[in-house]
Amino acid sequence: MKRVEIVNQRVVFDDVFKIEEATLRFERFNGQMSEPVRRLVFERGDAAAALLWNRDTQKVILIKQFRYPTYKKGPGWLLEVVAGMVDPGERPEETIRREVHEEVGYQVGDLQPIATFYVSPGGRSERVALYYAEVGETDRVAAGGGCAAEHEDIEQVELSLPELWTALHERNIVDAKALIAVQWLQCRLAGQKNVKSDGSCEQG
């Protein structure tokens, strides 16, 4: 592993998230250490997310909610997969079970890991643990809609596979977590022999 020397570091902003400033030197690919450089890191912890498949309706469960950071440059309201921040001392699997319950009202059984990835490694330390899970109507235990204490207003959106592919191809899905999850699902279904021409799965 290449060397990194931290000269100094400090927190320059501390609220819901933190911004850390560091001066450091890192080993270049030629084996030499770099000159001291200044870097900023946006710290807000890690997250967990899940692509949900309703086996009874044969539809994917997404959510839609208002995202202020996207409002100036985009739609504001985004189609996303269920997701949330990992609390201190919590495992990502525990996080996503809690978030699925809060946002769409289902109790999740088995979780299949899809990937763990950095969201924007140039400036953020956040990693997202992404899962796939199947639910049915008997797994619905709450209304969903989000956490009222956090002022969430979340709409559950169920899409058939043809509707999902249309949303993807028409660029109506612009959230990175959802894009990765949907493209993973495409690859997964492409490897199954019982996938029909419209992208849906045959039963039995």
N, C-alpha and C. Protein backbone atom coordinates (compact mmCIF):
# COMPACT_ATOMS: atom_id res chain seq x y z
N MET A 1 0.85 -1.19 0.00
CA MET A 1 0.00 0.00 0.00
C MET A 1 0.88 1.24 0.00
N LYS A 2 0.52 2.22 -0.78
CA LYS A 2 1.30 3.45 -0.87
C LYS A 2 1.16 4.28 0.41
N ARG A 3 2.15 5.11 0.65
CA ARG A 3 2.23 5.88 1.89
C ARG A 3 1.44 7.19 1.81
N VAL A 4 0.90 7.57 2.95
CA VAL A 4 0.25 8.87 3.11
C VAL A 4 0.73 9.46 4.43
N GLU A 5 1.16 10.70 4.41
CA GLU A 5 1.60 11.39 5.62
C GLU A 5 0.66 12.56 5.88
N ILE A 6 -0.02 12.52 7.01
CA ILE A 6 -0.91 13.62 7.40
C ILE A 6 -0.09 14.65 8.16
N VAL A 7 0.05 15.84 7.60
CA VAL A 7 0.81 16.91 8.25
C VAL A 7 -0.03 17.53 9.36
N ASN A 8 -1.26 17.88 9.06
CA ASN A 8 -2.20 18.36 10.07
C ASN A 8 -3.62 18.24 9.52
N GLN A 9 -4.57 18.22 10.42
CA GLN A 9 -5.97 18.17 10.01
C GLN A 9 -6.83 18.83 11.08
N ARG A 10 -7.96 19.39 10.65
CA ARG A 10 -8.87 20.04 11.58
C ARG A 10 -10.27 20.05 11.00
N VAL A 11 -11.25 20.13 11.87
CA VAL A 11 -12.65 20.24 11.46
C VAL A 11 -12.97 21.72 11.28
N VAL A 12 -13.41 22.11 10.09
CA VAL A 12 -13.70 23.52 9.82
C VAL A 12 -15.20 23.82 9.83
N PHE A 13 -16.02 22.77 9.83
CA PHE A 13 -17.48 22.95 9.91
C PHE A 13 -18.05 21.72 10.58
N ASP A 14 -18.96 21.92 11.55
CA ASP A 14 -19.52 20.80 12.30
C ASP A 14 -20.98 21.08 12.61
N ASP A 15 -21.87 20.41 11.86
CA ASP A 15 -23.31 20.56 12.06
C ASP A 15 -23.93 19.19 11.83
N VAL A 16 -24.92 19.10 10.94
CA VAL A 16 -25.47 17.80 10.58
C VAL A 16 -24.39 16.94 9.94
N PHE A 17 -23.51 17.58 9.20
CA PHE A 17 -22.33 16.93 8.64
C PHE A 17 -21.09 17.74 9.03
N LYS A 18 -19.93 17.19 8.74
CA LYS A 18 -18.67 17.86 9.04
C LYS A 18 -17.87 18.09 7.76
N ILE A 19 -17.06 19.13 7.78
CA ILE A 19 -16.07 19.35 6.73
C ILE A 19 -14.71 19.38 7.41
N GLU A 20 -13.85 18.47 6.96
CA GLU A 20 -12.51 18.36 7.54
C GLU A 20 -11.48 18.88 6.55
N GLU A 21 -10.54 19.66 7.04
CA GLU A 21 -9.44 20.16 6.22
C GLU A 21 -8.16 19.44 6.63
N ALA A 22 -7.40 18.98 5.65
CA ALA A 22 -6.15 18.28 5.94
C ALA A 22 -5.05 18.78 5.02
N THR A 23 -3.85 18.84 5.57
CA THR A 23 -2.65 19.04 4.76
C THR A 23 -1.88 17.73 4.80
N LEU A 24 -1.52 17.21 3.64
CA LEU A 24 -0.94 15.87 3.58
C LEU A 24 0.04 15.74 2.43
N ARG A 25 0.81 14.67 2.48
CA ARG A 25 1.68 14.27 1.38
C ARG A 25 1.34 12.82 1.06
N PHE A 26 1.35 12.47 -0.22
CA PHE A 26 1.04 11.09 -0.61
C PHE A 26 2.10 10.59 -1.59
N GLU A 27 2.28 9.28 -1.60
CA GLU A 27 3.28 8.67 -2.47
C GLU A 27 2.78 8.66 -3.92
N ARG A 28 3.57 9.24 -4.80
CA ARG A 28 3.22 9.27 -6.22
C ARG A 28 3.50 7.91 -6.86
N PHE A 29 3.03 7.73 -8.08
CA PHE A 29 3.25 6.46 -8.77
C PHE A 29 4.72 6.23 -9.12
N ASN A 30 5.51 7.30 -9.09
CA ASN A 30 6.95 7.14 -9.35
C ASN A 30 7.74 6.82 -8.09
N GLY A 31 7.03 6.66 -6.96
CA GLY A 31 7.68 6.31 -5.71
C GLY A 31 8.07 7.49 -4.85
N GLN A 32 8.02 8.71 -5.38
CA GLN A 32 8.38 9.91 -4.64
C GLN A 32 7.16 10.44 -3.87
N MET A 33 7.43 11.11 -2.75
CA MET A 33 6.35 11.73 -1.99
C MET A 33 5.98 13.07 -2.61
N SER A 34 4.72 13.39 -2.62
CA SER A 34 4.26 14.67 -3.17
C SER A 34 4.64 15.81 -2.24
N GLU A 35 4.54 17.03 -2.75
CA GLU A 35 4.64 18.19 -1.89
C GLU A 35 3.39 18.26 -1.01
N PRO A 36 3.41 19.00 0.10
CA PRO A 36 2.21 19.12 0.93
C PRO A 36 1.04 19.70 0.12
N VAL A 37 -0.11 19.08 0.21
CA VAL A 37 -1.30 19.54 -0.49
C VAL A 37 -2.45 19.68 0.50
N ARG A 38 -3.37 20.58 0.19
CA ARG A 38 -4.54 20.81 1.03
C ARG A 38 -5.73 20.09 0.44
N ARG A 39 -6.47 19.38 1.28
CA ARG A 39 -7.66 18.67 0.84
C ARG A 39 -8.80 18.90 1.84
N LEU A 40 -10.03 18.96 1.31
CA LEU A 40 -11.23 19.06 2.13
C LEU A 40 -12.04 17.79 1.97
N VAL A 41 -12.61 17.32 3.07
CA VAL A 41 -13.43 16.11 3.05
C VAL A 41 -14.79 16.42 3.67
N PHE A 42 -15.84 16.09 2.94
CA PHE A 42 -17.22 16.20 3.43
C PHE A 42 -17.52 14.90 4.16
N GLU A 43 -17.74 14.98 5.48
CA GLU A 43 -17.96 13.80 6.31
C GLU A 43 -19.40 13.78 6.81
N ARG A 44 -20.13 12.74 6.44
CA ARG A 44 -21.47 12.59 7.02
C ARG A 44 -21.80 11.14 7.34
N GLY A 45 -20.80 10.27 7.29
CA GLY A 45 -21.02 8.87 7.60
C GLY A 45 -21.35 8.06 6.35
N ASP A 46 -21.65 6.79 6.57
CA ASP A 46 -21.99 5.88 5.48
C ASP A 46 -23.50 5.70 5.39
N ALA A 47 -23.94 5.11 4.28
CA ALA A 47 -25.37 4.92 4.04
C ALA A 47 -25.65 3.49 3.59
N ALA A 48 -26.90 3.10 3.67
CA ALA A 48 -27.35 1.81 3.16
C ALA A 48 -28.57 2.04 2.29
N ALA A 49 -28.73 1.22 1.25
CA ALA A 49 -29.84 1.38 0.31
C ALA A 49 -30.28 0.01 -0.17
N ALA A 50 -31.50 -0.07 -0.69
CA ALA A 50 -32.01 -1.36 -1.16
C ALA A 50 -32.96 -1.19 -2.34
N LEU A 51 -32.77 -2.05 -3.32
CA LEU A 51 -33.73 -2.20 -4.42
C LEU A 51 -34.72 -3.28 -3.99
N LEU A 52 -36.00 -2.94 -3.98
CA LEU A 52 -37.03 -3.86 -3.50
C LEU A 52 -37.86 -4.39 -4.65
N TRP A 53 -38.13 -5.69 -4.62
CA TRP A 53 -38.97 -6.35 -5.62
C TRP A 53 -40.19 -6.92 -4.91
N ASN A 54 -41.39 -6.49 -5.35
CA ASN A 54 -42.63 -7.02 -4.80
C ASN A 54 -43.01 -8.27 -5.59
N ARG A 55 -42.84 -9.41 -4.97
CA ARG A 55 -43.07 -10.67 -5.70
C ARG A 55 -44.55 -10.91 -5.98
N ASP A 56 -45.44 -10.24 -5.25
CA ASP A 56 -46.87 -10.41 -5.48
C ASP A 56 -47.35 -9.59 -6.67
N THR A 57 -46.88 -8.36 -6.77
CA THR A 57 -47.29 -7.50 -7.89
C THR A 57 -46.35 -7.58 -9.08
N GLN A 58 -45.19 -8.25 -8.88
CA GLN A 58 -44.16 -8.34 -9.91
C GLN A 58 -43.71 -6.94 -10.35
N LYS A 59 -43.49 -6.10 -9.35
CA LYS A 59 -43.04 -4.74 -9.62
C LYS A 59 -41.89 -4.35 -8.70
N VAL A 60 -41.10 -3.40 -9.17
CA VAL A 60 -40.02 -2.83 -8.36
C VAL A 60 -40.59 -1.70 -7.52
N ILE A 61 -40.16 -1.62 -6.27
CA ILE A 61 -40.60 -0.56 -5.37
C ILE A 61 -39.53 0.51 -5.29
N LEU A 62 -39.86 1.70 -5.76
CA LEU A 62 -39.00 2.86 -5.62
C LEU A 62 -39.71 3.88 -4.74
N ILE A 63 -39.03 4.96 -4.46
CA ILE A 63 -39.64 6.05 -3.70
C ILE A 63 -39.40 7.36 -4.44
N LYS A 64 -40.23 8.35 -4.12
CA LYS A 64 -40.04 9.70 -4.66
C LYS A 64 -40.12 10.67 -3.50
N GLN A 65 -39.17 11.60 -3.45
CA GLN A 65 -39.19 12.62 -2.41
C GLN A 65 -38.46 13.87 -2.90
N PHE A 66 -38.69 14.98 -2.19
CA PHE A 66 -38.06 16.25 -2.54
C PHE A 66 -36.64 16.28 -2.02
N ARG A 67 -35.70 16.65 -2.89
CA ARG A 67 -34.29 16.76 -2.54
C ARG A 67 -33.83 18.18 -2.88
N TYR A 68 -33.73 19.02 -1.85
CA TYR A 68 -33.38 20.42 -2.09
C TYR A 68 -32.07 20.61 -2.86
N PRO A 69 -31.00 19.84 -2.59
CA PRO A 69 -29.75 20.05 -3.34
C PRO A 69 -29.89 19.87 -4.85
N THR A 70 -30.93 19.16 -5.30
CA THR A 70 -31.12 18.96 -6.74
C THR A 70 -32.06 19.97 -7.36
N TYR A 71 -32.64 20.84 -6.54
CA TYR A 71 -33.72 21.71 -7.01
C TYR A 71 -33.26 22.73 -8.05
N LYS A 72 -32.07 23.30 -7.87
CA LYS A 72 -31.60 24.35 -8.79
C LYS A 72 -31.22 23.80 -10.16
N LYS A 73 -30.72 22.56 -10.18
CA LYS A 73 -30.21 22.01 -11.44
C LYS A 73 -31.06 20.87 -12.00
N GLY A 74 -32.09 20.47 -11.28
CA GLY A 74 -32.86 19.32 -11.73
C GLY A 74 -34.30 19.37 -11.29
N PRO A 75 -34.92 18.21 -11.18
CA PRO A 75 -36.35 18.15 -10.92
C PRO A 75 -36.75 18.46 -9.49
N GLY A 76 -35.82 18.31 -8.54
CA GLY A 76 -36.18 18.51 -7.14
C GLY A 76 -36.73 17.24 -6.52
N TRP A 77 -37.76 16.66 -7.15
CA TRP A 77 -38.32 15.39 -6.69
C TRP A 77 -37.68 14.26 -7.49
N LEU A 78 -37.04 13.33 -6.80
CA LEU A 78 -36.29 12.27 -7.46
C LEU A 78 -36.89 10.89 -7.22
N LEU A 79 -36.77 10.03 -8.23
CA LEU A 79 -37.03 8.60 -8.06
C LEU A 79 -35.77 7.98 -7.49
N GLU A 80 -35.91 7.28 -6.37
CA GLU A 80 -34.76 6.70 -5.69
C GLU A 80 -35.09 5.30 -5.19
N VAL A 81 -34.06 4.59 -4.76
CA VAL A 81 -34.28 3.38 -3.98
C VAL A 81 -34.36 3.80 -2.51
N VAL A 82 -34.95 2.95 -1.69
CA VAL A 82 -35.00 3.22 -0.26
C VAL A 82 -33.57 3.30 0.28
N ALA A 83 -33.31 4.29 1.13
CA ALA A 83 -31.95 4.47 1.64
C ALA A 83 -31.98 5.29 2.92
N GLY A 84 -30.87 5.23 3.65
CA GLY A 84 -30.74 6.03 4.85
C GLY A 84 -29.33 5.97 5.40
N MET A 85 -29.03 6.86 6.32
CA MET A 85 -27.70 6.94 6.91
C MET A 85 -27.53 5.89 8.00
N VAL A 86 -26.34 5.31 8.06
CA VAL A 86 -26.01 4.32 9.08
C VAL A 86 -25.72 5.05 10.39
N ASP A 87 -26.47 4.73 11.43
CA ASP A 87 -26.25 5.36 12.73
C ASP A 87 -24.99 4.79 13.39
N PRO A 88 -24.36 5.53 14.31
CA PRO A 88 -23.18 5.03 15.01
C PRO A 88 -23.47 3.70 15.70
N GLY A 89 -22.58 2.73 15.51
CA GLY A 89 -22.75 1.42 16.12
C GLY A 89 -23.71 0.50 15.40
N GLU A 90 -24.26 0.94 14.29
CA GLU A 90 -25.25 0.18 13.54
C GLU A 90 -24.60 -0.47 12.32
N ARG A 91 -25.05 -1.68 11.98
CA ARG A 91 -24.59 -2.33 10.76
C ARG A 91 -25.47 -1.88 9.59
N PRO A 92 -24.93 -1.82 8.37
CA PRO A 92 -25.73 -1.40 7.22
C PRO A 92 -27.01 -2.22 7.04
N GLU A 93 -26.94 -3.52 7.34
CA GLU A 93 -28.13 -4.37 7.22
C GLU A 93 -29.23 -3.90 8.17
N GLU A 94 -28.85 -3.50 9.37
CA GLU A 94 -29.83 -2.99 10.33
C GLU A 94 -30.42 -1.67 9.84
N THR A 95 -29.56 -0.85 9.27
CA THR A 95 -30.02 0.45 8.76
C THR A 95 -31.08 0.27 7.69
N ILE A 96 -30.81 -0.57 6.71
CA ILE A 96 -31.74 -0.67 5.59
C ILE A 96 -33.05 -1.33 6.01
N ARG A 97 -33.01 -2.25 6.96
CA ARG A 97 -34.27 -2.82 7.46
C ARG A 97 -35.12 -1.72 8.11
N ARG A 98 -34.47 -0.87 8.89
CA ARG A 98 -35.19 0.24 9.53
C ARG A 98 -35.76 1.20 8.50
N GLU A 99 -34.95 1.53 7.49
CA GLU A 99 -35.39 2.49 6.48
C GLU A 99 -36.52 1.95 5.62
N VAL A 100 -36.46 0.67 5.27
CA VAL A 100 -37.55 0.07 4.49
C VAL A 100 -38.85 0.15 5.28
N HIS A 101 -38.78 -0.13 6.58
CA HIS A 101 -39.96 -0.04 7.43
C HIS A 101 -40.50 1.39 7.47
N GLU A 102 -39.61 2.37 7.64
CA GLU A 102 -40.04 3.76 7.75
C GLU A 102 -40.57 4.31 6.43
N GLU A 103 -39.90 3.99 5.33
CA GLU A 103 -40.21 4.67 4.07
C GLU A 103 -41.32 3.99 3.27
N VAL A 104 -41.38 2.65 3.29
CA VAL A 104 -42.41 1.97 2.49
C VAL A 104 -43.23 0.97 3.29
N GLY A 105 -42.92 0.77 4.56
CA GLY A 105 -43.77 -0.01 5.43
C GLY A 105 -43.64 -1.51 5.36
N TYR A 106 -42.55 -2.01 4.79
CA TYR A 106 -42.36 -3.46 4.68
C TYR A 106 -41.33 -3.95 5.69
N GLN A 107 -41.52 -5.21 6.10
CA GLN A 107 -40.54 -5.91 6.91
C GLN A 107 -39.71 -6.78 5.97
N VAL A 108 -38.40 -6.58 5.97
CA VAL A 108 -37.52 -7.25 5.02
C VAL A 108 -36.95 -8.53 5.62
N GLY A 109 -36.89 -9.59 4.79
CA GLY A 109 -36.26 -10.83 5.19
C GLY A 109 -34.81 -10.86 4.75
N ASP A 110 -34.53 -11.72 3.77
CA ASP A 110 -33.16 -11.86 3.28
C ASP A 110 -32.72 -10.63 2.50
N LEU A 111 -31.47 -10.26 2.70
CA LEU A 111 -30.85 -9.16 1.96
C LEU A 111 -29.70 -9.71 1.12
N GLN A 112 -29.71 -9.41 -0.16
CA GLN A 112 -28.63 -9.83 -1.06
C GLN A 112 -27.74 -8.63 -1.35
N PRO A 113 -26.47 -8.67 -0.96
CA PRO A 113 -25.58 -7.54 -1.26
C PRO A 113 -25.39 -7.37 -2.77
N ILE A 114 -25.49 -6.14 -3.24
CA ILE A 114 -25.20 -5.81 -4.64
C ILE A 114 -23.80 -5.24 -4.77
N ALA A 115 -23.52 -4.19 -3.99
CA ALA A 115 -22.21 -3.54 -4.05
C ALA A 115 -22.08 -2.56 -2.90
N THR A 116 -20.85 -2.23 -2.56
CA THR A 116 -20.55 -1.12 -1.67
C THR A 116 -19.64 -0.17 -2.43
N PHE A 117 -20.02 1.10 -2.50
CA PHE A 117 -19.29 2.02 -3.37
C PHE A 117 -19.22 3.41 -2.75
N TYR A 118 -18.21 4.17 -3.18
CA TYR A 118 -18.08 5.57 -2.78
C TYR A 118 -18.98 6.43 -3.68
N VAL A 119 -19.62 7.41 -3.08
CA VAL A 119 -20.55 8.26 -3.81
C VAL A 119 -19.81 9.29 -4.66
N SER A 120 -18.85 9.96 -4.06
CA SER A 120 -18.10 11.01 -4.75
C SER A 120 -16.73 11.12 -4.08
N PRO A 121 -15.80 10.21 -4.41
CA PRO A 121 -14.54 10.10 -3.65
C PRO A 121 -13.62 11.29 -3.76
N GLY A 122 -13.89 12.21 -4.68
CA GLY A 122 -13.06 13.40 -4.76
C GLY A 122 -13.25 14.35 -3.59
N GLY A 123 -14.39 14.24 -2.89
CA GLY A 123 -14.63 15.17 -1.80
C GLY A 123 -15.40 14.60 -0.63
N ARG A 124 -15.93 13.37 -0.78
CA ARG A 124 -16.75 12.79 0.29
C ARG A 124 -16.22 11.42 0.67
N SER A 125 -16.29 11.12 1.97
CA SER A 125 -15.85 9.81 2.46
C SER A 125 -16.99 8.79 2.46
N GLU A 126 -18.20 9.23 2.19
CA GLU A 126 -19.39 8.37 2.30
C GLU A 126 -19.34 7.16 1.38
N ARG A 127 -19.67 6.00 1.95
CA ARG A 127 -19.86 4.77 1.18
C ARG A 127 -21.33 4.36 1.28
N VAL A 128 -21.83 3.75 0.23
CA VAL A 128 -23.19 3.23 0.22
C VAL A 128 -23.14 1.71 0.09
N ALA A 129 -23.78 1.03 1.02
CA ALA A 129 -23.95 -0.42 0.93
C ALA A 129 -25.31 -0.67 0.29
N LEU A 130 -25.31 -1.25 -0.91
CA LEU A 130 -26.54 -1.42 -1.69
C LEU A 130 -26.95 -2.89 -1.68
N TYR A 131 -28.24 -3.13 -1.44
CA TYR A 131 -28.78 -4.48 -1.33
C TYR A 131 -29.98 -4.67 -2.26
N TYR A 132 -30.33 -5.95 -2.44
CA TYR A 132 -31.56 -6.34 -3.14
C TYR A 132 -32.37 -7.17 -2.17
N ALA A 133 -33.69 -6.94 -2.14
CA ALA A 133 -34.56 -7.71 -1.26
C ALA A 133 -35.92 -7.89 -1.92
N GLU A 134 -36.55 -9.01 -1.62
CA GLU A 134 -37.90 -9.28 -2.11
C GLU A 134 -38.89 -9.21 -0.96
N VAL A 135 -40.04 -8.61 -1.23
CA VAL A 135 -41.10 -8.51 -0.23
C VAL A 135 -42.42 -8.91 -0.88
N GLY A 136 -43.40 -9.19 -0.03
CA GLY A 136 -44.75 -9.48 -0.49
C GLY A 136 -45.74 -8.70 0.35
N GLU A 137 -47.01 -8.79 -0.01
CA GLU A 137 -48.01 -8.01 0.72
C GLU A 137 -48.14 -8.46 2.17
N THR A 138 -47.82 -9.72 2.46
CA THR A 138 -47.86 -10.18 3.85
C THR A 138 -46.73 -9.57 4.69
N ASP A 139 -45.74 -8.98 4.02
CA ASP A 139 -44.63 -8.34 4.73
C ASP A 139 -44.91 -6.88 5.07
N ARG A 140 -46.04 -6.37 4.59
CA ARG A 140 -46.37 -4.97 4.89
C ARG A 140 -46.87 -4.86 6.33
N VAL A 141 -46.17 -4.06 7.11
CA VAL A 141 -46.50 -3.94 8.53
C VAL A 141 -46.77 -2.50 8.95
N ALA A 142 -46.58 -1.54 8.05
CA ALA A 142 -46.79 -0.13 8.38
C ALA A 142 -47.15 0.63 7.11
N ALA A 143 -47.54 1.88 7.30
CA ALA A 143 -47.97 2.70 6.16
C ALA A 143 -46.80 3.22 5.35
N GLY A 144 -45.63 3.38 5.99
CA GLY A 144 -44.50 3.99 5.29
C GLY A 144 -44.68 5.50 5.20
N GLY A 145 -44.00 6.11 4.24
CA GLY A 145 -44.12 7.55 4.04
C GLY A 145 -43.00 8.36 4.64
N GLY A 146 -42.11 7.69 5.41
CA GLY A 146 -40.98 8.41 5.98
C GLY A 146 -41.15 8.72 7.45
N CYS A 147 -40.12 9.32 8.01
CA CYS A 147 -40.08 9.67 9.43
C CYS A 147 -40.61 11.09 9.63
N ALA A 148 -41.72 11.20 10.33
CA ALA A 148 -42.34 12.51 10.53
C ALA A 148 -41.42 13.46 11.30
N ALA A 149 -40.66 12.92 12.23
CA ALA A 149 -39.76 13.75 13.03
C ALA A 149 -38.67 14.39 12.17
N GLU A 150 -38.37 13.77 11.03
CA GLU A 150 -37.37 14.31 10.11
C GLU A 150 -38.01 15.08 8.96
N HIS A 151 -39.33 15.31 9.06
CA HIS A 151 -40.09 16.07 8.06
C HIS A 151 -40.01 15.42 6.68
N GLU A 152 -39.97 14.09 6.64
CA GLU A 152 -39.94 13.38 5.36
C GLU A 152 -41.34 13.26 4.79
N ASP A 153 -41.45 13.36 3.49
CA ASP A 153 -42.71 13.18 2.77
C ASP A 153 -42.40 12.30 1.57
N ILE A 154 -42.58 11.00 1.74
CA ILE A 154 -42.11 10.02 0.76
C ILE A 154 -43.28 9.30 0.11
N GLU A 155 -43.26 9.26 -1.20
CA GLU A 155 -44.27 8.54 -1.97
C GLU A 155 -43.68 7.22 -2.46
N GLN A 156 -44.43 6.15 -2.26
CA GLN A 156 -44.00 4.85 -2.79
C GLN A 156 -44.43 4.74 -4.25
N VAL A 157 -43.50 4.32 -5.11
CA VAL A 157 -43.76 4.20 -6.54
C VAL A 157 -43.43 2.77 -6.97
N GLU A 158 -44.44 2.05 -7.46
CA GLU A 158 -44.22 0.69 -7.96
C GLU A 158 -44.23 0.70 -9.48
N LEU A 159 -43.20 0.15 -10.08
CA LEU A 159 -43.07 0.12 -11.53
C LEU A 159 -42.91 -1.31 -12.01
N SER A 160 -43.65 -1.65 -13.06
CA SER A 160 -43.41 -2.93 -13.73
C SER A 160 -42.05 -2.86 -14.41
N LEU A 161 -41.52 -3.99 -14.83
CA LEU A 161 -40.22 -3.96 -15.48
C LEU A 161 -40.22 -3.13 -16.76
N PRO A 162 -41.22 -3.25 -17.64
CA PRO A 162 -41.23 -2.36 -18.81
C PRO A 162 -41.25 -0.88 -18.43
N GLU A 163 -42.02 -0.54 -17.39
CA GLU A 163 -42.07 0.85 -16.93
C GLU A 163 -40.72 1.29 -16.36
N LEU A 164 -40.06 0.37 -15.67
CA LEU A 164 -38.75 0.68 -15.10
C LEU A 164 -37.72 0.93 -16.19
N TRP A 165 -37.72 0.06 -17.22
CA TRP A 165 -36.76 0.25 -18.32
C TRP A 165 -37.03 1.56 -19.06
N THR A 166 -38.31 1.91 -19.21
CA THR A 166 -38.65 3.18 -19.86
C THR A 166 -38.14 4.36 -19.04
N ALA A 167 -38.35 4.30 -17.72
CA ALA A 167 -37.86 5.37 -16.85
C ALA A 167 -36.35 5.51 -16.94
N LEU A 168 -35.66 4.37 -17.05
CA LEU A 168 -34.21 4.39 -17.17
C LEU A 168 -33.77 5.00 -18.50
N HIS A 169 -34.37 4.53 -19.59
CA HIS A 169 -33.95 4.96 -20.93
C HIS A 169 -34.34 6.41 -21.22
N GLU A 170 -35.41 6.88 -20.59
CA GLU A 170 -35.82 8.27 -20.77
C GLU A 170 -35.13 9.20 -19.76
N ARG A 171 -34.20 8.66 -19.02
CA ARG A 171 -33.38 9.42 -18.06
C ARG A 171 -34.22 10.08 -16.97
N ASN A 172 -35.26 9.38 -16.56
CA ASN A 172 -36.07 9.85 -15.44
C ASN A 172 -35.51 9.38 -14.11
N ILE A 173 -34.53 8.50 -14.14
CA ILE A 173 -33.83 8.05 -12.94
C ILE A 173 -32.45 8.68 -12.96
N VAL A 174 -32.21 9.62 -12.06
CA VAL A 174 -30.94 10.34 -12.06
C VAL A 174 -30.19 10.20 -10.73
N ASP A 175 -30.74 9.43 -9.82
CA ASP A 175 -30.07 9.14 -8.55
C ASP A 175 -29.09 8.00 -8.77
N ALA A 176 -27.83 8.18 -8.35
CA ALA A 176 -26.78 7.19 -8.64
C ALA A 176 -27.09 5.83 -8.02
N LYS A 177 -27.61 5.81 -6.80
CA LYS A 177 -27.94 4.54 -6.15
C LYS A 177 -28.96 3.77 -6.97
N ALA A 178 -29.98 4.47 -7.42
CA ALA A 178 -31.03 3.83 -8.21
C ALA A 178 -30.51 3.37 -9.56
N LEU A 179 -29.67 4.17 -10.19
CA LEU A 179 -29.10 3.78 -11.49
C LEU A 179 -28.29 2.49 -11.36
N ILE A 180 -27.44 2.42 -10.34
CA ILE A 180 -26.64 1.21 -10.14
C ILE A 180 -27.54 0.02 -9.87
N ALA A 181 -28.56 0.21 -9.03
CA ALA A 181 -29.46 -0.88 -8.68
C ALA A 181 -30.25 -1.38 -9.89
N VAL A 182 -30.77 -0.47 -10.69
CA VAL A 182 -31.58 -0.87 -11.84
C VAL A 182 -30.72 -1.56 -12.89
N GLN A 183 -29.52 -1.06 -13.12
CA GLN A 183 -28.65 -1.71 -14.10
C GLN A 183 -28.18 -3.08 -13.60
N TRP A 184 -28.00 -3.21 -12.29
CA TRP A 184 -27.70 -4.54 -11.72
C TRP A 184 -28.87 -5.49 -11.98
N LEU A 185 -30.10 -5.00 -11.81
CA LEU A 185 -31.26 -5.84 -12.04
C LEU A 185 -31.33 -6.27 -13.50
N GLN A 186 -31.01 -5.37 -14.41
CA GLN A 186 -30.98 -5.73 -15.83
C GLN A 186 -30.01 -6.87 -16.08
N CYS A 187 -28.82 -6.77 -15.51
CA CYS A 187 -27.82 -7.83 -15.70
C CYS A 187 -28.29 -9.13 -15.06
N ARG A 188 -28.92 -9.04 -13.91
CA ARG A 188 -29.41 -10.23 -13.22
C ARG A 188 -30.47 -10.94 -14.06
N LEU A 189 -31.41 -10.17 -14.59
CA LEU A 189 -32.48 -10.77 -15.39
C LEU A 189 -31.96 -11.29 -16.71
N ALA A 190 -30.94 -10.64 -17.26
CA ALA A 190 -30.38 -11.10 -18.54
C ALA A 190 -29.77 -12.49 -18.41
N GLY A 191 -29.39 -12.86 -17.18
CA GLY A 191 -28.81 -14.17 -16.97
C GLY A 191 -29.83 -15.25 -16.66
N GLN A 192 -31.12 -14.88 -16.61
CA GLN A 192 -32.17 -15.85 -16.33
C GLN A 192 -32.82 -16.32 -17.62
N LYS A 193 -33.15 -17.59 -17.69
CA LYS A 193 -33.74 -18.14 -18.90
C LYS A 193 -35.23 -17.84 -19.02
N ASN A 194 -35.85 -17.48 -17.91
CA ASN A 194 -37.30 -17.27 -17.94
C ASN A 194 -37.68 -15.80 -18.04
N VAL A 195 -36.81 -14.99 -18.65
CA VAL A 195 -37.13 -13.58 -18.86
C VAL A 195 -37.81 -13.42 -20.22
N LYS A 196 -38.98 -12.80 -20.22
CA LYS A 196 -39.72 -12.60 -21.46
C LYS A 196 -39.18 -11.40 -22.22
N SER A 197 -39.63 -11.23 -23.45
CA SER A 197 -39.09 -10.18 -24.31
C SER A 197 -39.35 -8.78 -23.79
N ASP A 198 -40.39 -8.60 -22.98
CA ASP A 198 -40.68 -7.27 -22.44
C ASP A 198 -39.90 -6.99 -21.16
N GLY A 199 -39.07 -7.94 -20.75
CA GLY A 199 -38.25 -7.75 -19.55
C GLY A 199 -38.85 -8.33 -18.29
N SER A 200 -40.10 -8.82 -18.36
CA SER A 200 -40.73 -9.40 -17.18
C SER A 200 -40.36 -10.87 -17.05
N CYS A 201 -40.60 -11.41 -15.87
CA CYS A 201 -40.22 -12.80 -15.59
C CYS A 201 -41.44 -13.71 -15.65
N GLU A 202 -41.28 -14.85 -16.28
CA GLU A 202 -42.33 -15.85 -16.30
C GLU A 202 -42.40 -16.52 -14.93
N GLN A 203 -43.56 -16.98 -14.58
CA GLN A 203 -43.76 -17.65 -13.30
C GLN A 203 -43.55 -19.15 -13.46
N GLY A 204 -43.16 -19.77 -12.35
CA GLY A 204 -43.06 -21.22 -12.36
C GLY A 204 -41.69 -21.73 -12.61
